[in-house]
Amino acid sequence: MIDTHTHLYSEEFDEDRREMIERALNKGVTKFYLPAINSETHEKMLTLESEYPDQIISMMGLHPCYVKPESWEQELKMVEEYLNQRPFAAIGEIGIDLYWDKTTLDIQVKAFEQQIDWAIERDMPIVIHTRESFDETFEVLDRKKHPKLRGIFHCFSGNLEQAKRAIDLQFILGIGGVVTFKNGKIDQFLKEIPLDKIVLETDSPYLAPVPHRGKRNESSYLDLIVGKLVNIYGKDFSEIDTITTDNADRIFNR
């Protein structure tokens, strides 16, 4: 299994990070992709990657919740410097978040578009954060449409129409703990999405799957997400593991 989106460097793991990673490895998680947030955590993320070079792979980008009027342009300069220094798996997580702050929409869009441009220039996938912002996100993607523009809709929680639209735009869906929630709704239509259009993720330490909902999430819970997909697709565990692993390797060009 591959966890395509996990914040292993989060301070919520500071007390037991190594043990948590070992639990995941023992469960069969072979790779962990770490999305970037902002400059306050880049070095922590990259240090952790250096400690597990065969399993942990970093992305680089500026999270939309950290696109602030006073700092976003400087933050983007740092992202670009990192992208020029070394390879990353993807530019992410980037996008638009209108749950926490609607007043920064204009600069969120500018930051999103700039990072899309870098991804196209470098032929890299992007990992999109979209919260209460599907319409705005699709507007940007339609404007920026390009043969090289591709990636993952992280923590997909939209409807069937939005899922199909994302796939039409050369994106695949990141499926995590939400699929196990009674009110998550995506379990009601996910079977209509081909298995080759999804990847697994936890978004740990957030969005823990049932029966851990409301508690700290971790990558070892990825098997609970696969277990739900077994029920949805009527496929066995190993087949879902193989297909989603191949999907992740393909999107990240590994």
C-alpha atoms as a PDB file:
ATOM      1  CA  MET A   1       0.000   0.000   0.000  1.00  0.00           C
ATOM      2  CA  ILE A   2       1.094   3.580  -0.643  1.00  0.00           C
ATOM      3  CA  ASP A   3      -0.041   6.490   1.517  1.00  0.00           C
ATOM      4  CA  THR A   4      -0.082   9.274  -1.067  1.00  0.00           C
ATOM      5  CA  HIS A   5      -0.779  12.036   1.449  1.00  0.00           C
ATOM      6  CA  THR A   6       0.423  12.028   5.049  1.00  0.00           C
ATOM      7  CA  HIS A   7       1.852  14.769   7.266  1.00  0.00           C
ATOM      8  CA  LEU A   8       4.353  12.538   9.085  1.00  0.00           C
ATOM      9  CA  TYR A   9       6.335  15.591  10.175  1.00  0.00           C
ATOM     10  CA  SER A  10       3.342  17.015  12.076  1.00  0.00           C
ATOM     11  CA  GLU A  11       3.975  17.940  15.696  1.00  0.00           C
ATOM     12  CA  GLU A  12       1.161  15.540  16.600  1.00  0.00           C
ATOM     13  CA  PHE A  13       3.644  12.716  15.944  1.00  0.00           C
ATOM     14  CA  ASP A  14       6.563  14.221  17.855  1.00  0.00           C
ATOM     15  CA  GLU A  15       6.187  11.794  20.784  1.00  0.00           C
ATOM     16  CA  ASP A  16       6.033   8.541  18.796  1.00  0.00           C
ATOM     17  CA  ARG A  17       6.931   9.230  15.165  1.00  0.00           C
ATOM     18  CA  ARG A  18       9.279   6.274  14.668  1.00  0.00           C
ATOM     19  CA  GLU A  19       6.865   3.847  16.309  1.00  0.00           C
ATOM     20  CA  MET A  20       4.012   5.186  14.191  1.00  0.00           C
ATOM     21  CA  ILE A  21       6.017   4.744  10.992  1.00  0.00           C
ATOM     22  CA  GLU A  22       7.006   1.217  12.045  1.00  0.00           C
ATOM     23  CA  ARG A  23       3.354   0.324  12.623  1.00  0.00           C
ATOM     24  CA  ALA A  24       2.566   1.409   9.098  1.00  0.00           C
ATOM     25  CA  LEU A  25       5.502  -0.480   7.599  1.00  0.00           C
ATOM     26  CA  ASN A  26       4.425  -3.599   9.480  1.00  0.00           C
ATOM     27  CA  LYS A  27       0.917  -3.227   8.049  1.00  0.00           C
ATOM     28  CA  GLY A  28       2.329  -3.238   4.516  1.00  0.00           C
ATOM     29  CA  VAL A  29       2.618   0.477   3.732  1.00  0.00           C
ATOM     30  CA  THR A  30       5.662   0.714   1.473  1.00  0.00           C
ATOM     31  CA  LYS A  31       5.810   4.434   0.648  1.00  0.00           C
ATOM     32  CA  PHE A  32       4.698   7.686   2.255  1.00  0.00           C
ATOM     33  CA  TYR A  33       4.270  10.888   0.234  1.00  0.00           C
ATOM     34  CA  LEU A  34       4.575  14.060   2.296  1.00  0.00           C
ATOM     35  CA  PRO A  35       2.766  17.215   1.137  1.00  0.00           C
ATOM     36  CA  ALA A  36       4.409  20.524   1.928  1.00  0.00           C
ATOM     37  CA  ILE A  37       2.572  23.193   3.933  1.00  0.00           C
ATOM     38  CA  ASN A  38       4.742  26.288   4.304  1.00  0.00           C
ATOM     39  CA  SER A  39       8.292  27.340   5.141  1.00  0.00           C
ATOM     40  CA  GLU A  40       7.869  26.636   8.850  1.00  0.00           C
ATOM     41  CA  THR A  41       7.805  22.890   8.199  1.00  0.00           C
ATOM     42  CA  HIS A  42       9.870  22.378   5.035  1.00  0.00           C
ATOM     43  CA  GLU A  43      13.095  21.497   6.838  1.00  0.00           C
ATOM     44  CA  LYS A  44      11.337  19.153   9.249  1.00  0.00           C
ATOM     45  CA  MET A  45       9.753  17.383   6.301  1.00  0.00           C
ATOM     46  CA  LEU A  46      13.015  17.089   4.361  1.00  0.00           C
ATOM     47  CA  THR A  47      14.920  15.858   7.423  1.00  0.00           C
ATOM     48  CA  LEU A  48      12.384  13.100   7.915  1.00  0.00           C
ATOM     49  CA  GLU A  49      12.691  12.156   4.248  1.00  0.00           C
ATOM     50  CA  SER A  50      16.466  11.864   4.632  1.00  0.00           C
ATOM     51  CA  GLU A  51      15.989   9.450   7.533  1.00  0.00           C
ATOM     52  CA  TYR A  52      13.789   7.114   5.462  1.00  0.00           C
ATOM     53  CA  PRO A  53      15.093   7.614   1.905  1.00  0.00           C
ATOM     54  CA  ASP A  54      13.517   4.407   0.560  1.00  0.00           C
ATOM     55  CA  GLN A  55      10.056   4.990   1.974  1.00  0.00           C
ATOM     56  CA  ILE A  56       9.429   8.733   2.387  1.00  0.00           C
ATOM     57  CA  ILE A  57       9.142  11.121  -0.561  1.00  0.00           C
ATOM     58  CA  SER A  58       8.520  14.858  -0.274  1.00  0.00           C
ATOM     59  CA  MET A  59       6.421  17.247  -2.313  1.00  0.00           C
ATOM     60  CA  MET A  60       6.922  21.013  -2.401  1.00  0.00           C
ATOM     61  CA  GLY A  61       4.346  23.778  -2.436  1.00  0.00           C
ATOM     62  CA  LEU A  62       2.378  26.357  -0.482  1.00  0.00           C
ATOM     63  CA  HIS A  63      -0.861  25.189   1.160  1.00  0.00           C
ATOM     64  CA  PRO A  64      -3.794  27.541   0.450  1.00  0.00           C
ATOM     65  CA  CYS A  65      -4.498  28.057   4.159  1.00  0.00           C
ATOM     66  CA  TYR A  66      -1.048  29.641   4.435  1.00  0.00           C
ATOM     67  CA  VAL A  67      -1.518  32.061   1.552  1.00  0.00           C
ATOM     68  CA  LYS A  68      -1.461  35.222   3.671  1.00  0.00           C
ATOM     69  CA  PRO A  69      -1.399  38.831   2.379  1.00  0.00           C
ATOM     70  CA  GLU A  70       1.789  39.649   4.249  1.00  0.00           C
ATOM     71  CA  SER A  71       3.831  36.574   3.281  1.00  0.00           C
ATOM     72  CA  TRP A  72       2.507  34.592   0.308  1.00  0.00           C
ATOM     73  CA  GLU A  73       4.835  36.079  -2.288  1.00  0.00           C
ATOM     74  CA  GLN A  74       7.904  35.394  -0.157  1.00  0.00           C
ATOM     75  CA  GLU A  75       6.626  31.898   0.586  1.00  0.00           C
ATOM     76  CA  LEU A  76       6.292  31.231  -3.144  1.00  0.00           C
ATOM     77  CA  LYS A  77       9.842  32.433  -3.739  1.00  0.00           C
ATOM     78  CA  MET A  78      11.041  29.833  -1.237  1.00  0.00           C
ATOM     79  CA  VAL A  79       8.993  27.136  -2.969  1.00  0.00           C
ATOM     80  CA  GLU A  80      10.581  28.054  -6.291  1.00  0.00           C
ATOM     81  CA  GLU A  81      14.065  27.976  -4.766  1.00  0.00           C
ATOM     82  CA  TYR A  82      13.470  24.461  -3.465  1.00  0.00           C
ATOM     83  CA  LEU A  83      12.096  23.327  -6.831  1.00  0.00           C
ATOM     84  CA  ASN A  84      15.260  24.624  -8.481  1.00  0.00           C
ATOM     85  CA  GLN A  85      17.517  22.844  -6.000  1.00  0.00           C
ATOM     86  CA  ARG A  86      16.344  19.223  -6.157  1.00  0.00           C
ATOM     87  CA  PRO A  87      13.600  16.900  -7.461  1.00  0.00           C
ATOM     88  CA  PHE A  88      10.264  16.485  -5.685  1.00  0.00           C
ATOM     89  CA  ALA A  89       7.460  14.008  -6.251  1.00  0.00           C
ATOM     90  CA  ALA A  90       4.867  16.699  -6.932  1.00  0.00           C
ATOM     91  CA  ILE A  91       3.923  20.304  -6.318  1.00  0.00           C
ATOM     92  CA  GLY A  92       1.526  20.153  -3.405  1.00  0.00           C
ATOM     93  CA  GLU A  93      -0.449  20.553  -1.533  1.00  0.00           C
ATOM     94  CA  ILE A  94      -1.818  23.533  -3.378  1.00  0.00           C
ATOM     95  CA  GLY A  95      -5.276  24.791  -4.265  1.00  0.00           C
ATOM     96  CA  ILE A  96      -8.119  26.785  -2.756  1.00  0.00           C
ATOM     97  CA  ASP A  97      -9.671  26.620   0.718  1.00  0.00           C
ATOM     98  CA  LEU A  98     -12.795  28.684   1.368  1.00  0.00           C
ATOM     99  CA  TYR A  99     -13.708  26.971   4.627  1.00  0.00           C
ATOM    100  CA  TRP A 100     -11.299  28.924   6.799  1.00  0.00           C
ATOM    101  CA  ASP A 101     -10.916  32.233   4.994  1.00  0.00           C
ATOM    102  CA  LYS A 102     -12.890  33.527   2.010  1.00  0.00           C
ATOM    103  CA  THR A 103     -11.218  36.958   2.095  1.00  0.00           C
ATOM    104  CA  THR A 104      -7.970  35.639   0.578  1.00  0.00           C
ATOM    105  CA  LEU A 105      -9.576  34.029  -2.473  1.00  0.00           C
ATOM    106  CA  ASP A 106      -7.872  36.381  -4.937  1.00  0.00           C
ATOM    107  CA  ILE A 107      -4.354  35.664  -3.687  1.00  0.00           C
ATOM    108  CA  GLN A 108      -5.135  31.966  -3.203  1.00  0.00           C
ATOM    109  CA  VAL A 109      -5.998  31.840  -6.910  1.00  0.00           C
ATOM    110  CA  LYS A 110      -2.788  33.681  -7.836  1.00  0.00           C
ATOM    111  CA  ALA A 111      -0.668  31.320  -5.730  1.00  0.00           C
ATOM    112  CA  PHE A 112      -2.485  28.300  -7.169  1.00  0.00           C
ATOM    113  CA  GLU A 113      -1.975  29.476 -10.747  1.00  0.00           C
ATOM    114  CA  GLN A 114       1.700  30.248 -10.209  1.00  0.00           C
ATOM    115  CA  GLN A 115       2.343  26.789  -8.797  1.00  0.00           C
ATOM    116  CA  ILE A 116       0.411  25.166 -11.657  1.00  0.00           C
ATOM    117  CA  ASP A 117       2.666  27.057 -14.081  1.00  0.00           C
ATOM    118  CA  TRP A 118       5.754  25.662 -12.344  1.00  0.00           C
ATOM    119  CA  ALA A 119       4.320  22.151 -12.509  1.00  0.00           C
ATOM    120  CA  ILE A 120       3.675  22.446 -16.241  1.00  0.00           C
ATOM    121  CA  GLU A 121       7.142  23.909 -16.863  1.00  0.00           C
ATOM    122  CA  ARG A 122       8.746  21.057 -14.911  1.00  0.00           C
ATOM    123  CA  ASP A 123       6.356  18.321 -16.098  1.00  0.00           C
ATOM    124  CA  MET A 124       5.329  17.538 -12.503  1.00  0.00           C
ATOM    125  CA  PRO A 125       1.998  16.396 -11.069  1.00  0.00           C
ATOM    126  CA  ILE A 126       0.142  18.629  -8.623  1.00  0.00           C
ATOM    127  CA  VAL A 127      -1.750  17.619  -5.492  1.00  0.00           C
ATOM    128  CA  ILE A 128      -4.845  19.740  -5.005  1.00  0.00           C
ATOM    129  CA  HIS A 129      -6.463  20.803  -1.747  1.00  0.00           C
ATOM    130  CA  THR A 130     -10.031  21.854  -2.429  1.00  0.00           C
ATOM    131  CA  ARG A 131     -12.314  22.637   0.489  1.00  0.00           C
ATOM    132  CA  GLU A 132     -15.676  24.280  -0.201  1.00  0.00           C
ATOM    133  CA  SER A 133     -14.098  25.440  -3.455  1.00  0.00           C
ATOM    134  CA  PHE A 134     -14.810  22.957  -6.243  1.00  0.00           C
ATOM    135  CA  ASP A 135     -16.270  25.596  -8.572  1.00  0.00           C
ATOM    136  CA  GLU A 136     -13.357  27.975  -8.046  1.00  0.00           C
ATOM    137  CA  THR A 137     -10.831  25.153  -8.417  1.00  0.00           C
ATOM    138  CA  PHE A 138     -12.346  23.949 -11.683  1.00  0.00           C
ATOM    139  CA  GLU A 139     -12.342  27.512 -13.030  1.00  0.00           C
ATOM    140  CA  VAL A 140      -8.586  27.680 -12.483  1.00  0.00           C
ATOM    141  CA  LEU A 141      -7.968  24.226 -13.961  1.00  0.00           C
ATOM    142  CA  ASP A 142     -10.050  25.052 -17.021  1.00  0.00           C
ATOM    143  CA  ARG A 143      -8.033  28.243 -17.555  1.00  0.00           C
ATOM    144  CA  LYS A 144      -4.758  26.412 -17.113  1.00  0.00           C
ATOM    145  CA  LYS A 145      -5.675  23.313 -19.098  1.00  0.00           C
ATOM    146  CA  HIS A 146      -2.545  21.756 -20.596  1.00  0.00           C
ATOM    147  CA  PRO A 147      -1.428  18.275 -21.715  1.00  0.00           C
ATOM    148  CA  LYS A 148       1.090  18.177 -18.845  1.00  0.00           C
ATOM    149  CA  LEU A 149      -1.372  19.331 -16.167  1.00  0.00           C
ATOM    150  CA  ARG A 150      -2.280  16.308 -14.054  1.00  0.00           C
ATOM    151  CA  GLY A 151      -2.276  15.074 -10.486  1.00  0.00           C
ATOM    152  CA  ILE A 152      -4.460  14.166  -7.513  1.00  0.00           C
ATOM    153  CA  PHE A 153      -7.566  15.701  -6.000  1.00  0.00           C
ATOM    154  CA  HIS A 154      -6.463  15.125  -2.424  1.00  0.00           C
ATOM    155  CA  CYS A 155      -9.065  13.965   0.105  1.00  0.00           C
ATOM    156  CA  PHE A 156     -11.795  13.907  -2.505  1.00  0.00           C
ATOM    157  CA  SER A 157     -15.173  14.626  -0.924  1.00  0.00           C
ATOM    158  CA  GLY A 158     -17.193  15.904  -3.860  1.00  0.00           C
ATOM    159  CA  ASN A 159     -20.073  14.342  -5.771  1.00  0.00           C
ATOM    160  CA  LEU A 160     -20.094  12.018  -8.788  1.00  0.00           C
ATOM    161  CA  GLU A 161     -20.303  14.864 -11.301  1.00  0.00           C
ATOM    162  CA  GLN A 162     -17.288  16.582  -9.718  1.00  0.00           C
ATOM    163  CA  ALA A 163     -15.383  13.296  -9.633  1.00  0.00           C
ATOM    164  CA  LYS A 164     -15.966  12.740 -13.347  1.00  0.00           C
ATOM    165  CA  ARG A 165     -15.005  16.320 -14.131  1.00  0.00           C
ATOM    166  CA  ALA A 166     -11.730  15.941 -12.228  1.00  0.00           C
ATOM    167  CA  ILE A 167     -10.959  12.721 -14.108  1.00  0.00           C
ATOM    168  CA  ASP A 168     -11.740  14.405 -17.440  1.00  0.00           C
ATOM    169  CA  LEU A 169      -9.098  16.996 -16.519  1.00  0.00           C
ATOM    170  CA  GLN A 170      -6.453  14.221 -16.133  1.00  0.00           C
ATOM    171  CA  PHE A 171      -6.687  13.980 -12.362  1.00  0.00           C
ATOM    172  CA  ILE A 172      -7.255  11.012 -10.115  1.00  0.00           C
ATOM    173  CA  LEU A 173      -8.958  10.956  -6.732  1.00  0.00           C
ATOM    174  CA  GLY A 174      -7.269  10.641  -3.350  1.00  0.00           C
ATOM    175  CA  ILE A 175      -9.495   8.418  -1.210  1.00  0.00           C
ATOM    176  CA  GLY A 176      -9.060   8.473   2.557  1.00  0.00           C
ATOM    177  CA  GLY A 177     -10.980   8.214   5.801  1.00  0.00           C
ATOM    178  CA  VAL A 178     -13.998  10.114   4.466  1.00  0.00           C
ATOM    179  CA  VAL A 179     -15.019   7.001   2.522  1.00  0.00           C
ATOM    180  CA  THR A 180     -15.688   5.257   5.851  1.00  0.00           C
ATOM    181  CA  PHE A 181     -17.888   8.037   7.280  1.00  0.00           C
ATOM    182  CA  LYS A 182     -21.653   7.521   7.372  1.00  0.00           C
ATOM    183  CA  ASN A 183     -22.141  11.096   6.140  1.00  0.00           C
ATOM    184  CA  GLY A 184     -19.169  11.023   3.760  1.00  0.00           C
ATOM    185  CA  LYS A 185     -21.436  10.219   0.788  1.00  0.00           C
ATOM    186  CA  ILE A 186     -18.633   9.279  -1.612  1.00  0.00           C
ATOM    187  CA  ASP A 187     -19.151   5.601  -0.773  1.00  0.00           C
ATOM    188  CA  GLN A 188     -22.569   5.887  -2.453  1.00  0.00           C
ATOM    189  CA  PHE A 189     -21.123   6.473  -5.934  1.00  0.00           C
ATOM    190  CA  LEU A 190     -17.458   5.486  -5.790  1.00  0.00           C
ATOM    191  CA  LYS A 191     -18.085   2.149  -7.500  1.00  0.00           C
ATOM    192  CA  GLU A 192     -18.897   4.145 -10.642  1.00  0.00           C
ATOM    193  CA  ILE A 193     -15.307   5.449 -10.641  1.00  0.00           C
ATOM    194  CA  PRO A 194     -12.811   2.980 -12.127  1.00  0.00           C
ATOM    195  CA  LEU A 195     -10.224   1.671  -9.683  1.00  0.00           C
ATOM    196  CA  ASP A 196      -7.451   2.956 -11.918  1.00  0.00           C
ATOM    197  CA  LYS A 197      -8.631   6.504 -11.158  1.00  0.00           C
ATOM    198  CA  ILE A 198      -8.071   6.442  -7.382  1.00  0.00           C
ATOM    199  CA  VAL A 199      -5.164   6.359  -4.957  1.00  0.00           C
ATOM    200  CA  LEU A 200      -5.061   5.738  -1.219  1.00  0.00           C
ATOM    201  CA  GLU A 201      -4.265   8.364   1.395  1.00  0.00           C
ATOM    202  CA  THR A 202      -4.722   9.021   5.093  1.00  0.00           C
ATOM    203  CA  ASP A 203      -4.052  12.780   5.418  1.00  0.00           C
ATOM    204  CA  SER A 204      -2.790  11.808   8.854  1.00  0.00           C
ATOM    205  CA  PRO A 205      -2.940  13.104  11.528  1.00  0.00           C
ATOM    206  CA  TYR A 206      -6.342  14.314  10.234  1.00  0.00           C
ATOM    207  CA  LEU A 207      -9.534  12.539   9.125  1.00  0.00           C
ATOM    208  CA  ALA A 208      -9.028   9.183  10.816  1.00  0.00           C
ATOM    209  CA  PRO A 209     -11.233   6.434   9.371  1.00  0.00           C
ATOM    210  CA  VAL A 210     -13.923   4.624  11.343  1.00  0.00           C
ATOM    211  CA  PRO A 211     -13.507   3.224  14.020  1.00  0.00           C
ATOM    212  CA  HIS A 212     -10.880   5.847  14.920  1.00  0.00           C
ATOM    213  CA  ARG A 213     -12.869   8.854  13.698  1.00  0.00           C
ATOM    214  CA  GLY A 214     -12.249  11.914  15.860  1.00  0.00           C
ATOM    215  CA  LYS A 215      -8.870  10.647  17.040  1.00  0.00           C
ATOM    216  CA  ARG A 216      -5.385  11.104  15.637  1.00  0.00           C
ATOM    217  CA  ASN A 217      -5.013   9.460  12.254  1.00  0.00           C
ATOM    218  CA  GLU A 218      -1.889   7.563  11.174  1.00  0.00           C
ATOM    219  CA  SER A 219      -0.647   5.763   8.088  1.00  0.00           C
ATOM    220  CA  SER A 220      -1.150   2.294   9.582  1.00  0.00           C
ATOM    221  CA  TYR A 221      -4.898   2.874   9.234  1.00  0.00           C
ATOM    222  CA  LEU A 222      -4.595   2.731   5.447  1.00  0.00           C
ATOM    223  CA  ASP A 223      -5.774  -0.891   5.582  1.00  0.00           C
ATOM    224  CA  LEU A 224      -9.129   0.294   6.981  1.00  0.00           C
ATOM    225  CA  ILE A 225      -9.623   2.419   3.867  1.00  0.00           C
ATOM    226  CA  VAL A 226      -8.743  -0.540   1.636  1.00  0.00           C
ATOM    227  CA  GLY A 227     -11.182  -2.640   3.658  1.00  0.00           C
ATOM    228  CA  LYS A 228     -13.983  -0.210   2.820  1.00  0.00           C
ATOM    229  CA  LEU A 229     -12.996  -0.285  -0.861  1.00  0.00           C
ATOM    230  CA  VAL A 230     -13.196  -4.101  -0.759  1.00  0.00           C
ATOM    231  CA  ASN A 231     -16.857  -3.733   0.173  1.00  0.00           C
ATOM    232  CA  ILE A 232     -17.556  -1.004  -2.386  1.00  0.00           C
ATOM    233  CA  TYR A 233     -15.859  -2.601  -5.384  1.00  0.00           C
ATOM    234  CA  GLY A 234     -16.345  -6.263  -4.530  1.00  0.00           C
ATOM    235  CA  LYS A 235     -12.644  -6.895  -5.160  1.00  0.00           C
ATOM    236  CA  ASP A 236     -10.219  -8.606  -2.825  1.00  0.00           C
ATOM    237  CA  PHE A 237      -7.746  -6.664  -0.677  1.00  0.00           C
ATOM    238  CA  SER A 238      -4.660  -7.616  -2.671  1.00  0.00           C
ATOM    239  CA  GLU A 239      -6.188  -6.539  -5.991  1.00  0.00           C
ATOM    240  CA  ILE A 240      -7.136  -3.104  -4.655  1.00  0.00           C
ATOM    241  CA  ASP A 241      -3.684  -2.798  -3.084  1.00  0.00           C
ATOM    242  CA  THR A 242      -1.973  -3.669  -6.385  1.00  0.00           C
ATOM    243  CA  ILE A 243      -4.087  -1.370  -8.545  1.00  0.00           C
ATOM    244  CA  THR A 244      -3.894   1.670  -6.266  1.00  0.00           C
ATOM    245  CA  THR A 245      -0.149   1.156  -5.776  1.00  0.00           C
ATOM    246  CA  ASP A 246       0.363   1.078  -9.545  1.00  0.00           C
ATOM    247  CA  ASN A 247      -1.769   4.226  -9.848  1.00  0.00           C
ATOM    248  CA  ALA A 248       0.369   6.058  -7.300  1.00  0.00           C
ATOM    249  CA  ASP A 249       3.617   4.970  -8.937  1.00  0.00           C
ATOM    250  CA  ARG A 250       2.305   6.139 -12.292  1.00  0.00           C
ATOM    251  CA  ILE A 251       1.110   9.561 -11.136  1.00  0.00           C
ATOM    252  CA  PHE A 252       4.354  10.220  -9.227  1.00  0.00           C
ATOM    253  CA  ASN A 253       6.452   8.745 -12.063  1.00  0.00           C
ATOM    254  CA  ARG A 254       8.190   6.216  -9.812  1.00  0.00           C
END
